[in-house]
Amino acid sequence: MDEEAQKRKEQESGMALSLAQLSFKDVFLDFTPEEWECMDPAQRTLYQDVMVETLRNQLSVGDLPTV
């Protein structure tokens, strides 16, 4: 396969991946208690804010998250 064909294939596969539906599990990060303890309060708050925003975004498009 020539270089141009390889690039085209990578672009097409990237497009296909971007069209795939993501679940909450795909973006959820589950920290161990030890990892959570290593985070400072600002990091914990940021994590919680991002998870809430992600959940709201999924609900806004009618996707019911499963954990």
PDB file of N, CA and C in Angstrom:
ATOM      1  N   MET A   1       0.856  -1.189   0.000  1.00  0.00           N
ATOM      2  CA  MET A   1       0.000   0.000   0.000  1.00  0.00           C
ATOM      3  C   MET A   1       0.892   1.239   0.000  1.00  0.00           C
ATOM      4  N   ASP A   2       0.615   2.167  -0.906  1.00  0.00           N
ATOM      5  CA  ASP A   2       1.433   3.367  -0.960  1.00  0.00           C
ATOM      6  C   ASP A   2       1.090   4.319   0.184  1.00  0.00           C
ATOM      7  N   GLU A   3       1.939   5.317   0.379  1.00  0.00           N
ATOM      8  CA  GLU A   3       1.794   6.231   1.502  1.00  0.00           C
ATOM      9  C   GLU A   3       0.471   7.003   1.457  1.00  0.00           C
ATOM     10  N   GLU A   4       0.075   7.441   0.273  1.00  0.00           N
ATOM     11  CA  GLU A   4      -1.187   8.189   0.133  1.00  0.00           C
ATOM     12  C   GLU A   4      -2.388   7.324   0.513  1.00  0.00           C
ATOM     13  N   ALA A   5      -2.373   6.079   0.055  1.00  0.00           N
ATOM     14  CA  ALA A   5      -3.466   5.163   0.397  1.00  0.00           C
ATOM     15  C   ALA A   5      -3.504   4.898   1.891  1.00  0.00           C
ATOM     16  N   GLN A   6      -2.335   4.796   2.513  1.00  0.00           N
ATOM     17  CA  GLN A   6      -2.269   4.567   3.960  1.00  0.00           C
ATOM     18  C   GLN A   6      -2.852   5.756   4.718  1.00  0.00           C
ATOM     19  N   LYS A   7      -2.495   6.969   4.302  1.00  0.00           N
ATOM     20  CA  LYS A   7      -3.038   8.165   4.951  1.00  0.00           C
ATOM     21  C   LYS A   7      -4.552   8.220   4.804  1.00  0.00           C
ATOM     22  N   ARG A   8      -5.031   7.907   3.607  1.00  0.00           N
ATOM     23  CA  ARG A   8      -6.473   7.918   3.357  1.00  0.00           C
ATOM     24  C   ARG A   8      -7.176   6.905   4.253  1.00  0.00           C
ATOM     25  N   LYS A   9      -6.583   5.734   4.388  1.00  0.00           N
ATOM     26  CA  LYS A   9      -7.161   4.691   5.241  1.00  0.00           C
ATOM     27  C   LYS A   9      -7.208   5.141   6.696  1.00  0.00           C
ATOM     28  N   GLU A  10      -6.141   5.781   7.172  1.00  0.00           N
ATOM     29  CA  GLU A  10      -6.111   6.276   8.550  1.00  0.00           C
ATOM     30  C   GLU A  10      -7.170   7.352   8.763  1.00  0.00           C
ATOM     31  N   GLN A  11      -7.318   8.242   7.789  1.00  0.00           N
ATOM     32  CA  GLN A  11      -8.331   9.287   7.903  1.00  0.00           C
ATOM     33  C   GLN A  11      -9.734   8.688   7.923  1.00  0.00           C
ATOM     34  N   GLU A  12      -9.980   7.721   7.057  1.00  0.00           N
ATOM     35  CA  GLU A  12     -11.300   7.087   7.000  1.00  0.00           C
ATOM     36  C   GLU A  12     -11.596   6.344   8.298  1.00  0.00           C
ATOM     37  N   SER A  13     -10.620   5.643   8.821  1.00  0.00           N
ATOM     38  CA  SER A  13     -10.866   4.918  10.065  1.00  0.00           C
ATOM     39  C   SER A  13     -11.053   5.889  11.224  1.00  0.00           C
ATOM     40  N   GLY A  14     -10.339   7.008  11.214  1.00  0.00           N
ATOM     41  CA  GLY A  14     -10.528   8.028  12.244  1.00  0.00           C
ATOM     42  C   GLY A  14     -11.916   8.616  12.184  1.00  0.00           C
ATOM     43  N   MET A  15     -12.419   8.816  10.983  1.00  0.00           N
ATOM     44  CA  MET A  15     -13.775   9.333  10.808  1.00  0.00           C
ATOM     45  C   MET A  15     -14.786   8.334  11.346  1.00  0.00           C
ATOM     46  N   ALA A  16     -14.571   7.078  11.045  1.00  0.00           N
ATOM     47  CA  ALA A  16     -15.500   6.055  11.516  1.00  0.00           C
ATOM     48  C   ALA A  16     -15.521   6.014  13.033  1.00  0.00           C
ATOM     49  N   LEU A  17     -14.356   6.164  13.645  1.00  0.00           N
ATOM     50  CA  LEU A  17     -14.302   6.151  15.100  1.00  0.00           C
ATOM     51  C   LEU A  17     -15.002   7.364  15.691  1.00  0.00           C
ATOM     52  N   SER A  18     -14.884   8.508  15.043  1.00  0.00           N
ATOM     53  CA  SER A  18     -15.506   9.713  15.585  1.00  0.00           C
ATOM     54  C   SER A  18     -17.024   9.657  15.480  1.00  0.00           C
ATOM     55  N   LEU A  19     -17.548   8.819  14.606  1.00  0.00           N
ATOM     56  CA  LEU A  19     -18.990   8.693  14.465  1.00  0.00           C
ATOM     57  C   LEU A  19     -19.576   7.652  15.420  1.00  0.00           C
ATOM     58  N   ALA A  20     -18.730   6.897  16.085  1.00  0.00           N
ATOM     59  CA  ALA A  20     -19.203   5.868  17.000  1.00  0.00           C
ATOM     60  C   ALA A  20     -19.817   6.516  18.236  1.00  0.00           C
ATOM     61  N   GLN A  21     -20.847   5.909  18.763  1.00  0.00           N
ATOM     62  CA  GLN A  21     -21.499   6.423  19.955  1.00  0.00           C
ATOM     63  C   GLN A  21     -20.706   6.000  21.180  1.00  0.00           C
ATOM     64  N   LEU A  22     -20.437   6.945  22.057  1.00  0.00           N
ATOM     65  CA  LEU A  22     -19.717   6.665  23.287  1.00  0.00           C
ATOM     66  C   LEU A  22     -20.698   6.486  24.428  1.00  0.00           C
ATOM     67  N   SER A  23     -20.366   5.592  25.323  1.00  0.00           N
ATOM     68  CA  SER A  23     -21.187   5.420  26.519  1.00  0.00           C
ATOM     69  C   SER A  23     -20.501   6.129  27.684  1.00  0.00           C
ATOM     70  N   PHE A  24     -21.222   6.261  28.764  1.00  0.00           N
ATOM     71  CA  PHE A  24     -20.642   6.870  29.961  1.00  0.00           C
ATOM     72  C   PHE A  24     -19.437   6.055  30.417  1.00  0.00           C
ATOM     73  N   LYS A  25     -19.512   4.735  30.264  1.00  0.00           N
ATOM     74  CA  LYS A  25     -18.389   3.867  30.640  1.00  0.00           C
ATOM     75  C   LYS A  25     -17.133   4.190  29.839  1.00  0.00           C
ATOM     76  N   ASP A  26     -17.305   4.625  28.596  1.00  0.00           N
ATOM     77  CA  ASP A  26     -16.160   4.938  27.747  1.00  0.00           C
ATOM     78  C   ASP A  26     -15.359   6.132  28.256  1.00  0.00           C
ATOM     79  N   VAL A  27     -16.008   7.041  28.959  1.00  0.00           N
ATOM     80  CA  VAL A  27     -15.330   8.256  29.414  1.00  0.00           C
ATOM     81  C   VAL A  27     -15.187   8.339  30.929  1.00  0.00           C
ATOM     82  N   PHE A  28     -15.767   7.393  31.626  1.00  0.00           N
ATOM     83  CA  PHE A  28     -15.733   7.380  33.089  1.00  0.00           C
ATOM     84  C   PHE A  28     -14.362   6.935  33.587  1.00  0.00           C
ATOM     85  N   LEU A  29     -13.816   7.669  34.531  1.00  0.00           N
ATOM     86  CA  LEU A  29     -12.564   7.285  35.178  1.00  0.00           C
ATOM     87  C   LEU A  29     -12.879   6.876  36.602  1.00  0.00           C
ATOM     88  N   ASP A  30     -12.465   5.692  36.966  1.00  0.00           N
ATOM     89  CA  ASP A  30     -12.727   5.171  38.297  1.00  0.00           C
ATOM     90  C   ASP A  30     -11.418   5.144  39.069  1.00  0.00           C
ATOM     91  N   PHE A  31     -11.259   6.090  39.986  1.00  0.00           N
ATOM     92  CA  PHE A  31     -10.039   6.159  40.777  1.00  0.00           C
ATOM     93  C   PHE A  31     -10.130   5.229  41.975  1.00  0.00           C
ATOM     94  N   THR A  32      -9.012   4.620  42.307  1.00  0.00           N
ATOM     95  CA  THR A  32      -8.951   3.816  43.523  1.00  0.00           C
ATOM     96  C   THR A  32      -8.954   4.774  44.715  1.00  0.00           C
ATOM     97  N   PRO A  33      -9.290   4.275  45.897  1.00  0.00           N
ATOM     98  CA  PRO A  33      -9.226   5.149  47.083  1.00  0.00           C
ATOM     99  C   PRO A  33      -7.832   5.760  47.273  1.00  0.00           C
ATOM    100  N   GLU A  34      -6.803   5.008  46.952  1.00  0.00           N
ATOM    101  CA  GLU A  34      -5.439   5.523  47.099  1.00  0.00           C
ATOM    102  C   GLU A  34      -5.178   6.668  46.123  1.00  0.00           C
ATOM    103  N   GLU A  35      -5.649   6.497  44.874  1.00  0.00           N
ATOM    104  CA  GLU A  35      -5.473   7.548  43.875  1.00  0.00           C
ATOM    105  C   GLU A  35      -6.258   8.801  44.270  1.00  0.00           C
ATOM    106  N   TRP A  36      -7.470   8.591  44.765  1.00  0.00           N
ATOM    107  CA  TRP A  36      -8.323   9.713  45.182  1.00  0.00           C
ATOM    108  C   TRP A  36      -7.648  10.507  46.292  1.00  0.00           C
ATOM    109  N   GLU A  37      -7.017   9.807  47.238  1.00  0.00           N
ATOM    110  CA  GLU A  37      -6.334  10.471  48.347  1.00  0.00           C
ATOM    111  C   GLU A  37      -5.137  11.289  47.880  1.00  0.00           C
ATOM    112  N   CYS A  38      -4.533  10.911  46.762  1.00  0.00           N
ATOM    113  CA  CYS A  38      -3.373  11.643  46.234  1.00  0.00           C
ATOM    114  C   CYS A  38      -3.772  12.935  45.535  1.00  0.00           C
ATOM    115  N   MET A  39      -5.042  13.067  45.216  1.00  0.00           N
ATOM    116  CA  MET A  39      -5.506  14.263  44.518  1.00  0.00           C
ATOM    117  C   MET A  39      -5.758  15.385  45.511  1.00  0.00           C
ATOM    118  N   ASP A  40      -5.444  16.606  45.091  1.00  0.00           N
ATOM    119  CA  ASP A  40      -5.762  17.736  45.963  1.00  0.00           C
ATOM    120  C   ASP A  40      -7.225  18.137  45.733  1.00  0.00           C
ATOM    121  N   PRO A  41      -7.792  18.949  46.612  1.00  0.00           N
ATOM    122  CA  PRO A  41      -9.211  19.307  46.490  1.00  0.00           C
ATOM    123  C   PRO A  41      -9.598  19.897  45.133  1.00  0.00           C
ATOM    124  N   ALA A  42      -8.733  20.698  44.537  1.00  0.00           N
ATOM    125  CA  ALA A  42      -9.051  21.292  43.234  1.00  0.00           C
ATOM    126  C   ALA A  42      -9.159  20.211  42.160  1.00  0.00           C
ATOM    127  N   GLN A  43      -8.299  19.201  42.215  1.00  0.00           N
ATOM    128  CA  GLN A  43      -8.352  18.109  41.242  1.00  0.00           C
ATOM    129  C   GLN A  43      -9.621  17.285  41.419  1.00  0.00           C
ATOM    130  N   ARG A  44     -10.001  17.046  42.659  1.00  0.00           N
ATOM    131  CA  ARG A  44     -11.235  16.291  42.919  1.00  0.00           C
ATOM    132  C   ARG A  44     -12.450  17.054  42.406  1.00  0.00           C
ATOM    133  N   THR A  45     -12.471  18.347  42.662  1.00  0.00           N
ATOM    134  CA  THR A  45     -13.587  19.178  42.199  1.00  0.00           C
ATOM    135  C   THR A  45     -13.649  19.196  40.673  1.00  0.00           C
ATOM    136  N   LEU A  46     -12.501  19.343  40.025  1.00  0.00           N
ATOM    137  CA  LEU A  46     -12.463  19.328  38.566  1.00  0.00           C
ATOM    138  C   LEU A  46     -12.995  18.004  38.034  1.00  0.00           C
ATOM    139  N   TYR A  47     -12.554  16.902  38.610  1.00  0.00           N
ATOM    140  CA  TYR A  47     -13.027  15.575  38.195  1.00  0.00           C
ATOM    141  C   TYR A  47     -14.548  15.494  38.322  1.00  0.00           C
ATOM    142  N   GLN A  48     -15.074  15.893  39.456  1.00  0.00           N
ATOM    143  CA  GLN A  48     -16.520  15.830  39.673  1.00  0.00           C
ATOM    144  C   GLN A  48     -17.265  16.719  38.684  1.00  0.00           C
ATOM    145  N   ASP A  49     -16.758  17.919  38.446  1.00  0.00           N
ATOM    146  CA  ASP A  49     -17.393  18.830  37.496  1.00  0.00           C
ATOM    147  C   ASP A  49     -17.413  18.240  36.081  1.00  0.00           C
ATOM    148  N   VAL A  50     -16.314  17.631  35.673  1.00  0.00           N
ATOM    149  CA  VAL A  50     -16.237  17.035  34.336  1.00  0.00           C
ATOM    150  C   VAL A  50     -17.193  15.856  34.221  1.00  0.00           C
ATOM    151  N   MET A  51     -17.282  15.028  35.248  1.00  0.00           N
ATOM    152  CA  MET A  51     -18.187  13.877  35.207  1.00  0.00           C
ATOM    153  C   MET A  51     -19.653  14.328  35.170  1.00  0.00           C
ATOM    154  N   VAL A  52     -19.988  15.360  35.919  1.00  0.00           N
ATOM    155  CA  VAL A  52     -21.359  15.888  35.899  1.00  0.00           C
ATOM    156  C   VAL A  52     -21.674  16.468  34.525  1.00  0.00           C
ATOM    157  N   GLU A  53     -20.742  17.223  33.953  1.00  0.00           N
ATOM    158  CA  GLU A  53     -20.955  17.793  32.617  1.00  0.00           C
ATOM    159  C   GLU A  53     -21.132  16.687  31.578  1.00  0.00           C
ATOM    160  N   THR A  54     -20.327  15.643  31.673  1.00  0.00           N
ATOM    161  CA  THR A  54     -20.429  14.519  30.739  1.00  0.00           C
ATOM    162  C   THR A  54     -21.794  13.850  30.851  1.00  0.00           C
ATOM    163  N   LEU A  55     -22.241  13.633  32.069  1.00  0.00           N
ATOM    164  CA  LEU A  55     -23.553  13.025  32.288  1.00  0.00           C
ATOM    165  C   LEU A  55     -24.665  13.907  31.725  1.00  0.00           C
ATOM    166  N   ARG A  56     -24.587  15.204  31.973  1.00  0.00           N
ATOM    167  CA  ARG A  56     -25.598  16.131  31.444  1.00  0.00           C
ATOM    168  C   ARG A  56     -25.613  16.124  29.914  1.00  0.00           C
ATOM    169  N   ASN A  57     -24.421  16.086  29.314  1.00  0.00           N
ATOM    170  CA  ASN A  57     -24.352  16.052  27.849  1.00  0.00           C
ATOM    171  C   ASN A  57     -25.005  14.790  27.302  1.00  0.00           C
ATOM    172  N   GLN A  58     -24.758  13.668  27.935  1.00  0.00           N
ATOM    173  CA  GLN A  58     -25.373  12.428  27.463  1.00  0.00           C
ATOM    174  C   GLN A  58     -26.885  12.468  27.630  1.00  0.00           C
ATOM    175  N   LEU A  59     -27.343  12.986  28.744  1.00  0.00           N
ATOM    176  CA  LEU A  59     -28.788  13.080  28.966  1.00  0.00           C
ATOM    177  C   LEU A  59     -29.438  14.035  27.969  1.00  0.00           C
ATOM    178  N   SER A  60     -28.719  15.081  27.579  1.00  0.00           N
ATOM    179  CA  SER A  60     -29.286  16.073  26.658  1.00  0.00           C
ATOM    180  C   SER A  60     -29.509  15.497  25.264  1.00  0.00           C
ATOM    181  N   VAL A  61     -28.785  14.460  24.914  1.00  0.00           N
ATOM    182  CA  VAL A  61     -28.981  13.827  23.608  1.00  0.00           C
ATOM    183  C   VAL A  61     -29.812  12.557  23.729  1.00  0.00           C
ATOM    184  N   GLY A  62     -30.395  12.349  24.908  1.00  0.00           N
ATOM    185  CA  GLY A  62     -31.299  11.238  25.093  1.00  0.00           C
ATOM    186  C   GLY A  62     -30.639   9.905  25.380  1.00  0.00           C
ATOM    187  N   ASP A  63     -29.371   9.951  25.760  1.00  0.00           N
ATOM    188  CA  ASP A  63     -28.651   8.710  26.058  1.00  0.00           C
ATOM    189  C   ASP A  63     -28.729   8.446  27.563  1.00  0.00           C
ATOM    190  N   LEU A  64     -29.253   7.305  27.927  1.00  0.00           N
ATOM    191  CA  LEU A  64     -29.310   6.938  29.334  1.00  0.00           C
ATOM    192  C   LEU A  64     -28.028   6.201  29.694  1.00  0.00           C
ATOM    193  N   PRO A  65     -27.217   6.805  30.581  1.00  0.00           N
ATOM    194  CA  PRO A  65     -25.927   6.195  30.903  1.00  0.00           C
ATOM    195  C   PRO A  65     -26.075   4.911  31.718  1.00  0.00           C
ATOM    196  N   THR A  66     -25.146   4.014  31.498  1.00  0.00           N
ATOM    197  CA  THR A  66     -25.035   2.818  32.319  1.00  0.00           C
ATOM    198  C   THR A  66     -23.635   2.773  32.875  1.00  0.00           C
ATOM    199  N   VAL A  67     -23.512   2.402  34.115  1.00  0.00           N
ATOM    200  CA  VAL A  67     -22.191   2.355  34.766  1.00  0.00           C
ATOM    201  C   VAL A  67     -21.874   0.936  35.116  1.00  0.00           C
TER     202      VAL A  67
END
